Amino acid sequence: MKTSKNRPGFLSYSKSNNLGDYIQSIAAKELAGLNSVCLDREKLNIYSGPKINLIMNGWFMENSKNWPPSEQINPLFISFHINPTAKRNMLSDKGIEFFKKHEPIGCRDYYTQRILSEKGVKTYFSGCLTLTLQNNNTQKKEGILVLSALDRMNPKISTKNFFLNIFKYPKKNLVYKKSKKNLDEFISNQKHSKAIKESQIIDTTGKTQMEIFSLANKQLDLISKSKLVITSRIHTALPAISLGAKVIFLTDGYNHINQKSRLEGLSEYFYCCKTSDLKNLNLEEIYPKRDHKEASSSLIEKVDQFFSEDE
């Protein structure tokens, strides 16, 4: 890859307990190169170091008041998603001005493309950078990996809205148990396949960023060895597709706009269904609607071009 005057950069997520975020960072870093540096997604507005060419991929953002980024950042908007709860601040007059300065915006999903286009910003659907991940594992793929398949459905009682959570818990727990039963029965019917259950959500207490990145790489290795991956996490499903696994994406619990918006367009790269559909599912008949290889090639080309522009 050609080098540029500005140092290449990718995003990091210092407070995230979701390995999917780190997998997105891994995909971006592989394209940015060994000399690249990472910047915290939530603190781009206060960056004051040397000018940096930054891949702006992923979910934006926890604190939308920290938008737009510093003028020291030259962004490549690709595989970019705007969280509905951040839309108001990110699409302020100042935010739109920043988007227009760096258009066209490569959107990870149709939702993000739509809301930016409505503001007069030039956009295109890019898909996700995790589709560019390469499988270097030469072992024969085998077994089923159940990775965060029903995480978001498992009801938890938190101190926030405590009484409302208590009130809703019985019904949510009943729905969760029914979905879990459907999934467990499907897995047990795959008699010749060993199943491994893992989570994309981890406890980060006492762990360094390097240790968390190591866990993300181990999870990618596990995905690369699996024949079938069952999940409800986008950044398990997309890496699994790019690494050559068959994917069942469970849509149980995908009712809120924050969840549905993220799937628009991306769901074409993997097979989606509810756990209630698993009973009659024939694994030989499930295929994605769209081949990811064209998106992967386009993403690599655009990133390479970005880092070569100011050579």
C-alpha atoms as a PDB file:
ATOM      1  CA  MET A   1       0.000   0.000   0.000  1.00  0.00           C
ATOM      2  CA  LYS A   2       1.227   3.506  -0.814  1.00  0.00           C
ATOM      3  CA  THR A   3       2.106   5.875   1.971  1.00  0.00           C
ATOM      4  CA  SER A   4       0.672   9.343   2.579  1.00  0.00           C
ATOM      5  CA  LYS A   5       2.007  12.520   4.138  1.00  0.00           C
ATOM      6  CA  ASN A   6      -0.508  12.316   6.963  1.00  0.00           C
ATOM      7  CA  ARG A   7      -0.255   9.356   9.282  1.00  0.00           C
ATOM      8  CA  PRO A   8      -3.043   6.781   8.738  1.00  0.00           C
ATOM      9  CA  GLY A   9      -5.483   6.157  11.558  1.00  0.00           C
ATOM     10  CA  PHE A  10      -8.361   3.982  12.684  1.00  0.00           C
ATOM     11  CA  LEU A  11     -10.912   4.167  15.499  1.00  0.00           C
ATOM     12  CA  SER A  12     -10.781   2.630  18.962  1.00  0.00           C
ATOM     13  CA  TYR A  13     -13.466   2.249  21.614  1.00  0.00           C
ATOM     14  CA  SER A  14     -11.925   2.712  25.026  1.00  0.00           C
ATOM     15  CA  LYS A  15     -15.098   2.100  27.043  1.00  0.00           C
ATOM     16  CA  SER A  16     -16.676  -0.651  24.970  1.00  0.00           C
ATOM     17  CA  ASN A  17     -17.308  -4.152  26.324  1.00  0.00           C
ATOM     18  CA  ASN A  18     -18.380  -5.362  22.876  1.00  0.00           C
ATOM     19  CA  LEU A  19     -15.780  -7.353  20.937  1.00  0.00           C
ATOM     20  CA  GLY A  20     -17.653  -6.406  17.765  1.00  0.00           C
ATOM     21  CA  ASP A  21     -16.284  -2.883  18.107  1.00  0.00           C
ATOM     22  CA  TYR A  22     -12.744  -4.214  18.338  1.00  0.00           C
ATOM     23  CA  ILE A  23     -13.324  -6.468  15.335  1.00  0.00           C
ATOM     24  CA  GLN A  24     -14.271  -3.349  13.347  1.00  0.00           C
ATOM     25  CA  SER A  25     -11.006  -1.774  14.529  1.00  0.00           C
ATOM     26  CA  ILE A  26      -9.069  -4.853  13.425  1.00  0.00           C
ATOM     27  CA  ALA A  27     -10.614  -4.667   9.945  1.00  0.00           C
ATOM     28  CA  ALA A  28      -9.760  -0.959   9.671  1.00  0.00           C
ATOM     29  CA  LYS A  29      -6.219  -1.435  10.981  1.00  0.00           C
ATOM     30  CA  GLU A  30      -5.499  -4.180   8.461  1.00  0.00           C
ATOM     31  CA  LEU A  31      -6.336  -1.691   5.705  1.00  0.00           C
ATOM     32  CA  ALA A  32      -4.612   1.295   7.342  1.00  0.00           C
ATOM     33  CA  GLY A  33      -1.335  -0.577   7.842  1.00  0.00           C
ATOM     34  CA  LEU A  34       1.152  -1.225  10.635  1.00  0.00           C
ATOM     35  CA  ASN A  35       2.128   2.434  10.916  1.00  0.00           C
ATOM     36  CA  SER A  36      -1.431   3.488  11.741  1.00  0.00           C
ATOM     37  CA  VAL A  37      -2.547   4.986  15.050  1.00  0.00           C
ATOM     38  CA  CYS A  38      -5.874   4.674  16.836  1.00  0.00           C
ATOM     39  CA  LEU A  39      -8.108   7.508  18.038  1.00  0.00           C
ATOM     40  CA  ASP A  40     -10.989   7.244  20.501  1.00  0.00           C
ATOM     41  CA  ARG A  41     -14.313   7.558  18.662  1.00  0.00           C
ATOM     42  CA  GLU A  42     -15.816   9.620  21.474  1.00  0.00           C
ATOM     43  CA  LYS A  43     -12.962  12.162  21.641  1.00  0.00           C
ATOM     44  CA  LEU A  44     -12.360  13.063  18.007  1.00  0.00           C
ATOM     45  CA  ASN A  45     -13.461  16.650  18.661  1.00  0.00           C
ATOM     46  CA  ILE A  46     -10.524  17.320  20.986  1.00  0.00           C
ATOM     47  CA  TYR A  47      -7.775  15.704  18.907  1.00  0.00           C
ATOM     48  CA  SER A  48      -4.956  18.250  18.510  1.00  0.00           C
ATOM     49  CA  GLY A  49      -2.038  16.161  17.258  1.00  0.00           C
ATOM     50  CA  PRO A  50      -0.506  16.027  13.783  1.00  0.00           C
ATOM     51  CA  LYS A  51      -2.920  15.833  10.846  1.00  0.00           C
ATOM     52  CA  ILE A  52      -4.229  12.306  10.478  1.00  0.00           C
ATOM     53  CA  ASN A  53      -6.035  10.427   7.711  1.00  0.00           C
ATOM     54  CA  LEU A  54      -8.714   8.580   9.675  1.00  0.00           C
ATOM     55  CA  ILE A  55     -10.990   5.736   8.604  1.00  0.00           C
ATOM     56  CA  MET A  56     -14.402   6.710  10.018  1.00  0.00           C
ATOM     57  CA  ASN A  57     -16.237   3.406  10.123  1.00  0.00           C
ATOM     58  CA  GLY A  58     -18.721   1.974  12.578  1.00  0.00           C
ATOM     59  CA  TRP A  59     -21.489   3.054  14.927  1.00  0.00           C
ATOM     60  CA  PHE A  60     -21.660   6.747  15.912  1.00  0.00           C
ATOM     61  CA  MET A  61     -21.885   7.590  18.730  1.00  0.00           C
ATOM     62  CA  GLU A  62     -22.293   7.514  22.517  1.00  0.00           C
ATOM     63  CA  ASN A  63     -21.832  11.249  23.148  1.00  0.00           C
ATOM     64  CA  SER A  64     -23.051  13.061  20.044  1.00  0.00           C
ATOM     65  CA  LYS A  65     -22.268  16.425  21.645  1.00  0.00           C
ATOM     66  CA  ASN A  66     -18.649  15.635  20.774  1.00  0.00           C
ATOM     67  CA  TRP A  67     -19.422  15.946  17.065  1.00  0.00           C
ATOM     68  CA  PRO A  68     -17.976  17.036  14.633  1.00  0.00           C
ATOM     69  CA  PRO A  69     -14.324  15.951  14.775  1.00  0.00           C
ATOM     70  CA  SER A  70     -11.277  18.209  14.990  1.00  0.00           C
ATOM     71  CA  GLU A  71     -10.001  19.971  11.880  1.00  0.00           C
ATOM     72  CA  GLN A  72      -6.786  17.993  12.390  1.00  0.00           C
ATOM     73  CA  ILE A  73      -8.665  14.909  11.230  1.00  0.00           C
ATOM     74  CA  ASN A  74      -9.027  14.193   7.527  1.00  0.00           C
ATOM     75  CA  PRO A  75     -11.807  11.577   7.526  1.00  0.00           C
ATOM     76  CA  LEU A  76     -12.767   8.833   5.150  1.00  0.00           C
ATOM     77  CA  PHE A  77     -16.443   8.221   5.836  1.00  0.00           C
ATOM     78  CA  ILE A  78     -16.941   4.594   4.934  1.00  0.00           C
ATOM     79  CA  SER A  79     -18.979   1.839   6.572  1.00  0.00           C
ATOM     80  CA  PHE A  80     -20.507   4.668   8.620  1.00  0.00           C
ATOM     81  CA  HIS A  81     -23.644   4.367  10.786  1.00  0.00           C
ATOM     82  CA  ILE A  82     -25.506   7.091  12.688  1.00  0.00           C
ATOM     83  CA  ASN A  83     -27.279   5.856  15.793  1.00  0.00           C
ATOM     84  CA  PRO A  84     -30.875   7.225  15.836  1.00  0.00           C
ATOM     85  CA  THR A  85     -30.356   8.607  19.347  1.00  0.00           C
ATOM     86  CA  ALA A  86     -27.373  10.633  18.075  1.00  0.00           C
ATOM     87  CA  LYS A  87     -29.108  11.893  14.937  1.00  0.00           C
ATOM     88  CA  ARG A  88     -30.210  15.279  16.287  1.00  0.00           C
ATOM     89  CA  ASN A  89     -26.750  16.490  17.302  1.00  0.00           C
ATOM     90  CA  MET A  90     -24.855  14.867  14.445  1.00  0.00           C
ATOM     91  CA  LEU A  91     -27.198  16.391  11.870  1.00  0.00           C
ATOM     92  CA  SER A  92     -26.990  19.911  13.301  1.00  0.00           C
ATOM     93  CA  ASP A  93     -26.006  22.700  10.902  1.00  0.00           C
ATOM     94  CA  LYS A  94     -22.381  22.359  11.994  1.00  0.00           C
ATOM     95  CA  GLY A  95     -22.523  18.574  11.628  1.00  0.00           C
ATOM     96  CA  ILE A  96     -24.026  18.728   8.142  1.00  0.00           C
ATOM     97  CA  GLU A  97     -21.375  21.260   7.117  1.00  0.00           C
ATOM     98  CA  PHE A  98     -18.687  18.753   8.153  1.00  0.00           C
ATOM     99  CA  PHE A  99     -20.352  15.902   6.257  1.00  0.00           C
ATOM    100  CA  LYS A 100     -20.658  18.013   3.099  1.00  0.00           C
ATOM    101  CA  LYS A 101     -17.013  19.015   3.333  1.00  0.00           C
ATOM    102  CA  HIS A 102     -16.019  15.338   3.222  1.00  0.00           C
ATOM    103  CA  GLU A 103     -18.736  13.839   1.020  1.00  0.00           C
ATOM    104  CA  PRO A 104     -19.583  11.428  -0.440  1.00  0.00           C
ATOM    105  CA  ILE A 105     -20.350   9.516   2.761  1.00  0.00           C
ATOM    106  CA  GLY A 106     -20.004   5.750   2.528  1.00  0.00           C
ATOM    107  CA  CYS A 107     -22.931   4.495   4.602  1.00  0.00           C
ATOM    108  CA  ARG A 108     -22.997   1.117   6.289  1.00  0.00           C
ATOM    109  CA  ASP A 109     -26.781   0.879   6.015  1.00  0.00           C
ATOM    110  CA  TYR A 110     -29.699   2.349   4.093  1.00  0.00           C
ATOM    111  CA  TYR A 111     -30.997   4.144   7.175  1.00  0.00           C
ATOM    112  CA  THR A 112     -27.850   6.266   7.512  1.00  0.00           C
ATOM    113  CA  GLN A 113     -27.792   6.866   3.766  1.00  0.00           C
ATOM    114  CA  ARG A 114     -31.406   8.029   3.834  1.00  0.00           C
ATOM    115  CA  ILE A 115     -31.146  10.492   6.720  1.00  0.00           C
ATOM    116  CA  LEU A 116     -27.987  12.072   5.284  1.00  0.00           C
ATOM    117  CA  SER A 117     -29.415  12.273   1.770  1.00  0.00           C
ATOM    118  CA  GLU A 118     -32.475  14.044   3.144  1.00  0.00           C
ATOM    119  CA  LYS A 119     -30.111  16.761   4.390  1.00  0.00           C
ATOM    120  CA  GLY A 120     -28.571  17.185   0.956  1.00  0.00           C
ATOM    121  CA  VAL A 121     -25.388  15.184   1.697  1.00  0.00           C
ATOM    122  CA  LYS A 122     -24.002  13.031  -1.127  1.00  0.00           C
ATOM    123  CA  THR A 123     -23.941   9.383  -0.066  1.00  0.00           C
ATOM    124  CA  TYR A 124     -23.522   5.817  -1.239  1.00  0.00           C
ATOM    125  CA  PHE A 125     -24.105   2.399   0.348  1.00  0.00           C
ATOM    126  CA  SER A 126     -20.701   0.922   1.189  1.00  0.00           C
ATOM    127  CA  GLY A 127     -21.471  -2.103   3.337  1.00  0.00           C
ATOM    128  CA  CYS A 128     -19.151  -2.796   6.278  1.00  0.00           C
ATOM    129  CA  LEU A 129     -15.360  -2.949   6.509  1.00  0.00           C
ATOM    130  CA  THR A 130     -15.575  -6.280   8.325  1.00  0.00           C
ATOM    131  CA  LEU A 131     -16.506  -7.777   4.933  1.00  0.00           C
ATOM    132  CA  THR A 132     -12.843  -7.301   3.968  1.00  0.00           C
ATOM    133  CA  LEU A 133     -11.465  -9.651   6.630  1.00  0.00           C
ATOM    134  CA  GLN A 134      -9.425 -12.509   5.169  1.00  0.00           C
ATOM    135  CA  ASN A 135      -9.426 -16.115   6.350  1.00  0.00           C
ATOM    136  CA  ASN A 136      -5.870 -17.379   6.852  1.00  0.00           C
ATOM    137  CA  ASN A 137      -7.025 -20.545   8.604  1.00  0.00           C
ATOM    138  CA  THR A 138      -6.314 -23.669   6.554  1.00  0.00           C
ATOM    139  CA  GLN A 139      -8.142 -26.066   8.873  1.00  0.00           C
ATOM    140  CA  LYS A 140     -11.346 -27.758   7.770  1.00  0.00           C
ATOM    141  CA  LYS A 141     -14.387 -25.852   8.974  1.00  0.00           C
ATOM    142  CA  GLU A 142     -16.553 -27.768  11.384  1.00  0.00           C
ATOM    143  CA  GLY A 143     -19.166 -27.394  14.087  1.00  0.00           C
ATOM    144  CA  ILE A 144     -21.646 -24.731  15.115  1.00  0.00           C
ATOM    145  CA  LEU A 145     -20.659 -21.517  16.838  1.00  0.00           C
ATOM    146  CA  VAL A 146     -23.517 -19.905  18.765  1.00  0.00           C
ATOM    147  CA  LEU A 147     -22.203 -16.418  19.407  1.00  0.00           C
ATOM    148  CA  SER A 148     -24.414 -13.911  21.234  1.00  0.00           C
ATOM    149  CA  ALA A 149     -27.468 -15.400  19.567  1.00  0.00           C
ATOM    150  CA  LEU A 150     -30.042 -14.180  22.106  1.00  0.00           C
ATOM    151  CA  ASP A 151     -28.057 -11.679  24.189  1.00  0.00           C
ATOM    152  CA  ARG A 152     -30.341  -8.717  23.699  1.00  0.00           C
ATOM    153  CA  MET A 153     -33.431 -10.768  24.541  1.00  0.00           C
ATOM    154  CA  ASN A 154     -32.208 -11.998  27.927  1.00  0.00           C
ATOM    155  CA  PRO A 155     -34.079  -9.691  30.354  1.00  0.00           C
ATOM    156  CA  LYS A 156     -32.092  -7.917  33.027  1.00  0.00           C
ATOM    157  CA  ILE A 157     -33.268  -5.744  35.887  1.00  0.00           C
ATOM    158  CA  SER A 158     -31.213  -2.585  36.281  1.00  0.00           C
ATOM    159  CA  THR A 159     -31.503   0.360  38.652  1.00  0.00           C
ATOM    160  CA  LYS A 160     -32.448   2.569  35.716  1.00  0.00           C
ATOM    161  CA  ASN A 161     -36.258   2.465  35.331  1.00  0.00           C
ATOM    162  CA  PHE A 162     -36.250  -0.184  38.070  1.00  0.00           C
ATOM    163  CA  PHE A 163     -40.023  -0.463  38.612  1.00  0.00           C
ATOM    164  CA  LEU A 164     -40.776  -0.499  34.890  1.00  0.00           C
ATOM    165  CA  ASN A 165     -38.207  -3.284  34.450  1.00  0.00           C
ATOM    166  CA  ILE A 166     -39.808  -5.275  37.265  1.00  0.00           C
ATOM    167  CA  PHE A 167     -43.211  -4.879  35.645  1.00  0.00           C
ATOM    168  CA  LYS A 168     -42.029  -6.013  32.199  1.00  0.00           C
ATOM    169  CA  TYR A 169     -39.694  -8.776  33.370  1.00  0.00           C
ATOM    170  CA  PRO A 170     -42.158 -11.737  33.485  1.00  0.00           C
ATOM    171  CA  LYS A 171     -43.341 -11.282  29.892  1.00  0.00           C
ATOM    172  CA  LYS A 172     -39.832 -10.628  28.560  1.00  0.00           C
ATOM    173  CA  ASN A 173     -38.493 -13.674  30.380  1.00  0.00           C
ATOM    174  CA  LEU A 174     -41.243 -15.855  28.933  1.00  0.00           C
ATOM    175  CA  VAL A 175     -40.459 -14.693  25.387  1.00  0.00           C
ATOM    176  CA  TYR A 176     -36.738 -15.240  25.974  1.00  0.00           C
ATOM    177  CA  LYS A 177     -37.243 -18.787  27.279  1.00  0.00           C
ATOM    178  CA  LYS A 178     -39.405 -19.659  24.288  1.00  0.00           C
ATOM    179  CA  SER A 179     -36.781 -18.363  21.854  1.00  0.00           C
ATOM    180  CA  LYS A 180     -34.037 -20.196  23.737  1.00  0.00           C
ATOM    181  CA  LYS A 181     -36.012 -23.425  23.583  1.00  0.00           C
ATOM    182  CA  ASN A 182     -36.456 -23.055  19.812  1.00  0.00           C
ATOM    183  CA  LEU A 183     -32.734 -22.468  19.379  1.00  0.00           C
ATOM    184  CA  ASP A 184     -31.680 -25.324  21.672  1.00  0.00           C
ATOM    185  CA  GLU A 185     -33.961 -27.758  19.833  1.00  0.00           C
ATOM    186  CA  PHE A 186     -32.524 -26.693  16.471  1.00  0.00           C
ATOM    187  CA  ILE A 187     -28.963 -27.191  17.691  1.00  0.00           C
ATOM    188  CA  SER A 188     -29.726 -30.610  19.193  1.00  0.00           C
ATOM    189  CA  ASN A 189     -31.215 -31.701  15.851  1.00  0.00           C
ATOM    190  CA  GLN A 190     -27.866 -31.064  14.141  1.00  0.00           C
ATOM    191  CA  LYS A 191     -26.705 -34.428  15.433  1.00  0.00           C
ATOM    192  CA  HIS A 192     -23.284 -34.566  13.795  1.00  0.00           C
ATOM    193  CA  SER A 193     -22.194 -31.043  14.685  1.00  0.00           C
ATOM    194  CA  LYS A 194     -20.550 -29.986  17.917  1.00  0.00           C
ATOM    195  CA  ALA A 195     -21.856 -26.652  19.225  1.00  0.00           C
ATOM    196  CA  ILE A 196     -19.816 -24.015  21.047  1.00  0.00           C
ATOM    197  CA  LYS A 197     -21.531 -21.126  22.827  1.00  0.00           C
ATOM    198  CA  GLU A 198     -19.731 -17.813  23.298  1.00  0.00           C
ATOM    199  CA  SER A 199     -20.579 -14.161  23.850  1.00  0.00           C
ATOM    200  CA  GLN A 200     -19.488 -11.030  22.026  1.00  0.00           C
ATOM    201  CA  ILE A 201     -20.023  -9.057  25.242  1.00  0.00           C
ATOM    202  CA  ILE A 202     -17.190  -9.379  27.753  1.00  0.00           C
ATOM    203  CA  ASP A 203     -16.161  -8.164  31.185  1.00  0.00           C
ATOM    204  CA  THR A 204     -13.410  -5.607  30.573  1.00  0.00           C
ATOM    205  CA  THR A 205     -12.543  -5.087  34.255  1.00  0.00           C
ATOM    206  CA  GLY A 206      -8.769  -4.967  34.678  1.00  0.00           C
ATOM    207  CA  LYS A 207      -8.102  -5.628  30.985  1.00  0.00           C
ATOM    208  CA  THR A 208      -5.879  -3.441  28.824  1.00  0.00           C
ATOM    209  CA  GLN A 209      -6.814  -2.422  25.272  1.00  0.00           C
ATOM    210  CA  MET A 210      -4.146  -4.832  24.000  1.00  0.00           C
ATOM    211  CA  GLU A 211      -5.698  -7.712  25.949  1.00  0.00           C
ATOM    212  CA  ILE A 212      -9.159  -6.915  24.587  1.00  0.00           C
ATOM    213  CA  PHE A 213      -7.836  -6.774  21.026  1.00  0.00           C
ATOM    214  CA  SER A 214      -6.272 -10.203  21.682  1.00  0.00           C
ATOM    215  CA  LEU A 215      -9.694 -11.539  22.737  1.00  0.00           C
ATOM    216  CA  ALA A 216     -11.252 -10.096  19.582  1.00  0.00           C
ATOM    217  CA  ASN A 217      -8.635 -11.828  17.440  1.00  0.00           C
ATOM    218  CA  LYS A 218      -9.289 -15.115  19.257  1.00  0.00           C
ATOM    219  CA  GLN A 219     -12.993 -14.719  18.547  1.00  0.00           C
ATOM    220  CA  LEU A 220     -12.249 -14.134  14.866  1.00  0.00           C
ATOM    221  CA  ASP A 221     -10.112 -17.289  14.869  1.00  0.00           C
ATOM    222  CA  LEU A 222     -13.002 -19.245  16.387  1.00  0.00           C
ATOM    223  CA  ILE A 223     -15.367 -17.868  13.738  1.00  0.00           C
ATOM    224  CA  SER A 224     -12.934 -18.785  10.956  1.00  0.00           C
ATOM    225  CA  LYS A 225     -12.906 -22.436  12.088  1.00  0.00           C
ATOM    226  CA  SER A 226     -16.705 -22.763  12.292  1.00  0.00           C
ATOM    227  CA  LYS A 227     -18.922 -24.199   9.580  1.00  0.00           C
ATOM    228  CA  LEU A 228     -22.101 -22.520  10.855  1.00  0.00           C
ATOM    229  CA  VAL A 229     -22.401 -19.376  12.960  1.00  0.00           C
ATOM    230  CA  ILE A 230     -25.666 -18.495  14.714  1.00  0.00           C
ATOM    231  CA  THR A 231     -25.838 -14.958  16.076  1.00  0.00           C
ATOM    232  CA  SER A 232     -27.852 -11.781  16.511  1.00  0.00           C
ATOM    233  CA  ARG A 233     -24.783  -9.537  16.330  1.00  0.00           C
ATOM    234  CA  ILE A 234     -23.917  -7.774  13.081  1.00  0.00           C
ATOM    235  CA  HIS A 235     -20.199  -7.870  13.814  1.00  0.00           C
ATOM    236  CA  THR A 236     -20.294 -11.569  14.326  1.00  0.00           C
ATOM    237  CA  ALA A 237     -22.398 -12.189  11.209  1.00  0.00           C
ATOM    238  CA  LEU A 238     -20.430 -10.053   8.747  1.00  0.00           C
ATOM    239  CA  PRO A 239     -16.986 -11.335   9.798  1.00  0.00           C
ATOM    240  CA  ALA A 240     -18.366 -14.872   9.614  1.00  0.00           C
ATOM    241  CA  ILE A 241     -19.514 -14.263   6.032  1.00  0.00           C
ATOM    242  CA  SER A 242     -16.139 -12.790   5.051  1.00  0.00           C
ATOM    243  CA  LEU A 243     -14.332 -15.705   6.725  1.00  0.00           C
ATOM    244  CA  GLY A 244     -16.374 -18.272   4.810  1.00  0.00           C
ATOM    245  CA  ALA A 245     -18.900 -19.546   7.360  1.00  0.00           C
ATOM    246  CA  LYS A 246     -22.605 -20.071   6.803  1.00  0.00           C
ATOM    247  CA  VAL A 247     -24.629 -17.652   8.939  1.00  0.00           C
ATOM    248  CA  ILE A 248     -28.031 -17.711  10.588  1.00  0.00           C
ATOM    249  CA  PHE A 249     -28.876 -14.271  11.938  1.00  0.00           C
ATOM    250  CA  LEU A 250     -31.659 -14.352  14.523  1.00  0.00           C
ATOM    251  CA  THR A 251     -33.954 -11.316  14.460  1.00  0.00           C
ATOM    252  CA  ASP A 252     -35.804 -12.045  17.703  1.00  0.00           C
ATOM    253  CA  GLY A 253     -35.771  -8.803  19.684  1.00  0.00           C
ATOM    254  CA  TYR A 254     -35.025  -6.564  16.692  1.00  0.00           C
ATOM    255  CA  ASN A 255     -38.075  -4.354  17.169  1.00  0.00           C
ATOM    256  CA  HIS A 256     -36.570  -1.046  18.273  1.00  0.00           C
ATOM    257  CA  ILE A 257     -35.504   1.568  15.700  1.00  0.00           C
ATOM    258  CA  ASN A 258     -31.952   1.508  17.147  1.00  0.00           C
ATOM    259  CA  GLN A 259     -31.688  -2.153  16.128  1.00  0.00           C
ATOM    260  CA  LYS A 260     -33.710  -2.214  12.916  1.00  0.00           C
ATOM    261  CA  SER A 261     -31.887   0.787  11.463  1.00  0.00           C
ATOM    262  CA  ARG A 262     -28.551  -1.014  11.686  1.00  0.00           C
ATOM    263  CA  LEU A 263     -29.802  -3.969   9.653  1.00  0.00           C
ATOM    264  CA  GLU A 264     -31.104  -2.053   6.624  1.00  0.00           C
ATOM    265  CA  GLY A 265     -28.987  -3.241   3.703  1.00  0.00           C
ATOM    266  CA  LEU A 266     -26.562  -5.316   5.766  1.00  0.00           C
ATOM    267  CA  SER A 267     -29.135  -8.079   6.220  1.00  0.00           C
ATOM    268  CA  GLU A 268     -28.737  -8.845   2.509  1.00  0.00           C
ATOM    269  CA  TYR A 269     -25.315 -10.353   3.256  1.00  0.00           C
ATOM    270  CA  PHE A 270     -26.588 -13.089   5.606  1.00  0.00           C
ATOM    271  CA  TYR A 271     -29.651 -15.264   6.156  1.00  0.00           C
ATOM    272  CA  CYS A 272     -32.133 -13.819   8.658  1.00  0.00           C
ATOM    273  CA  CYS A 273     -34.943 -15.540  10.517  1.00  0.00           C
ATOM    274  CA  LYS A 274     -36.656 -15.799  13.886  1.00  0.00           C
ATOM    275  CA  THR A 275     -36.067 -18.723  16.239  1.00  0.00           C
ATOM    276  CA  SER A 276     -39.634 -19.840  15.503  1.00  0.00           C
ATOM    277  CA  ASP A 277     -38.521 -20.436  11.877  1.00  0.00           C
ATOM    278  CA  LEU A 278     -35.694 -22.781  12.844  1.00  0.00           C
ATOM    279  CA  LYS A 279     -37.958 -25.798  13.203  1.00  0.00           C
ATOM    280  CA  ASN A 280     -38.431 -26.150   9.445  1.00  0.00           C
ATOM    281  CA  LEU A 281     -35.071 -24.758   8.349  1.00  0.00           C
ATOM    282  CA  ASN A 282     -32.951 -26.708   5.875  1.00  0.00           C
ATOM    283  CA  LEU A 283     -29.333 -25.597   6.136  1.00  0.00           C
ATOM    284  CA  GLU A 284     -28.676 -26.563   2.515  1.00  0.00           C
ATOM    285  CA  GLU A 285     -31.231 -24.022   1.340  1.00  0.00           C
ATOM    286  CA  ILE A 286     -30.034 -20.897   3.158  1.00  0.00           C
ATOM    287  CA  TYR A 287     -28.021 -18.349   1.238  1.00  0.00           C
ATOM    288  CA  PRO A 288     -27.529 -14.584   1.502  1.00  0.00           C
ATOM    289  CA  LYS A 289     -29.301 -12.353  -1.010  1.00  0.00           C
ATOM    290  CA  ARG A 290     -26.065 -10.605  -1.958  1.00  0.00           C
ATOM    291  CA  ASP A 291     -22.474 -11.814  -2.442  1.00  0.00           C
ATOM    292  CA  HIS A 292     -20.118  -9.831  -0.205  1.00  0.00           C
ATOM    293  CA  LYS A 293     -17.103 -10.064  -2.518  1.00  0.00           C
ATOM    294  CA  GLU A 294     -18.009  -7.070  -4.672  1.00  0.00           C
ATOM    295  CA  ALA A 295     -18.468  -4.877  -1.579  1.00  0.00           C
ATOM    296  CA  SER A 296     -15.204  -6.172  -0.127  1.00  0.00           C
ATOM    297  CA  SER A 297     -13.213  -5.279  -3.253  1.00  0.00           C
ATOM    298  CA  SER A 298     -14.808  -1.835  -3.451  1.00  0.00           C
ATOM    299  CA  LEU A 299     -14.080  -1.098   0.222  1.00  0.00           C
ATOM    300  CA  ILE A 300     -10.416  -2.076  -0.119  1.00  0.00           C
ATOM    301  CA  GLU A 301     -10.053   0.034  -3.258  1.00  0.00           C
ATOM    302  CA  LYS A 302     -11.604   3.136  -1.654  1.00  0.00           C
ATOM    303  CA  VAL A 303      -9.466   2.894   1.485  1.00  0.00           C
ATOM    304  CA  ASP A 304      -6.283   2.388  -0.527  1.00  0.00           C
ATOM    305  CA  GLN A 305      -7.146   5.376  -2.700  1.00  0.00           C
ATOM    306  CA  PHE A 306      -7.817   7.509   0.389  1.00  0.00           C
ATOM    307  CA  PHE A 307      -4.375   6.821   1.867  1.00  0.00           C
ATOM    308  CA  SER A 308      -2.700   7.460  -1.489  1.00  0.00           C
ATOM    309  CA  GLU A 309      -4.332  10.812  -2.304  1.00  0.00           C
ATOM    310  CA  ASP A 310      -1.820  13.121  -0.607  1.00  0.00           C
ATOM    311  CA  GLU A 311       1.255  11.046  -1.402  1.00  0.00           C
END
